[in-house]
Amino acid sequence: MERVVDIASDGRHLSAHRGFLIVSEDKQEVGRVPLDDVMAVIVHAHGVTWSTNLAVALAERGAPLVLCGANHAPVGVFLPLDGHHGQNARMRAQWEAGRPLAKQLWSRVVIAKLRWQAAVLEAHGKERAALDLLLRKVRSGDPDNIEAQAARRYWPLLMGPEFRRDRTAADINGPLNYGYTILRSLIARSVVAAGLHPSIGIHHANRGNAFALADDLVEPFRPLVDALALRLASKGFHTVEPISKRAFAGLIAVDLNGAEGVTTVTVAAQRLALSLARAFETGDAAALVLPHPPTPIEIAGLDRLVPGPTEDARPVSAPEPAP
């Protein structure tokens, strides 16, 4: 089972030993996780150190080491350079992809995101007609910025008229930032594993963004975080805390229906990245395999990630103590 290891306590030291990620404090081991089970390591605390051997072991397994700021958004990610046997050819195809292909791909991503947002609204008893209407207006490259128009309708409907999406706010925006970080690291890893370069996006093109492609492909999955953050808030978990971290870490294992049957969010992300590589190699935007929007039943299944009032607040995303 792949796990997201979240380091939220100050002063911890991370190292690799005999196939395990070891977490220590004051030279005493406080937890360990098999390296082969690690999907990503996310560092949120101050004074955390790690060994070169651990960084190499994570890179060899394609697991990113994500460093977050005070708002729980990533500020840096360590990823392997060599992620796939066909990397050279795929990166060349990615680099040489023409603007028309990139615009077609981006419009398909935007349509998928709007379908997911509409599905989340419907699952929460909200009116989805406005988004259904907008997604029919998306053109190649989304020159009318329908994505932003949809966001202006989506957030008030889902979160209430007073809500503002603010990456620096210390309210429910904090859990949203954290959940997006989990999925962004998953997508970044899938991109590298597919032999693509994460900094060459199809839409995002900020020179300072080393993970522009991950930011492109994570868009359809974001409403899943929104739905879970809303469920956590309804139970009183409005901030980033151990319970909400555990819930968001579980998102990667949520089941989704796809063209090839039921699969997890992790596998859906891997298929998306691989299909994008095929689209670059063939020049055919139709090769992109986007995740199907979740059904109301699948969204209701997120309740399994939200603890009940009597459940222990143990942070399972952190390494378990050694037996």
Foldseek 3Di string as FASTA:
>chain_A
DAFEAEAADAQWEWEDDPQWIFIDHPNHTFFIDGLLRYQEYEYEYYNYYYDPRVLVSCQVNLYKYFYADNLQATPDIRHHPQQEPCQVVLQVLLVPQDLQLLQQLLLVLLLLLLQQLLQLLVLVVFDSVVSVVLNVVQDRNRPVPSSVVSVVVRCCRQPNPPDDQDSPDFWLNSLLSNLLRLQLSLLQSLLSNLSYQQQRDSRDNPPVDRRRNSVSQCSSVSVLSVLLSVVQVVVPNTGDDLLSNQLSRCQQQQWAQFPVGIDGNSVQSNLQSNQVSVCSVVVPSVSGGHGHHGHSVSSVVSVVSHDDPPDDSDRPSHGHGDD
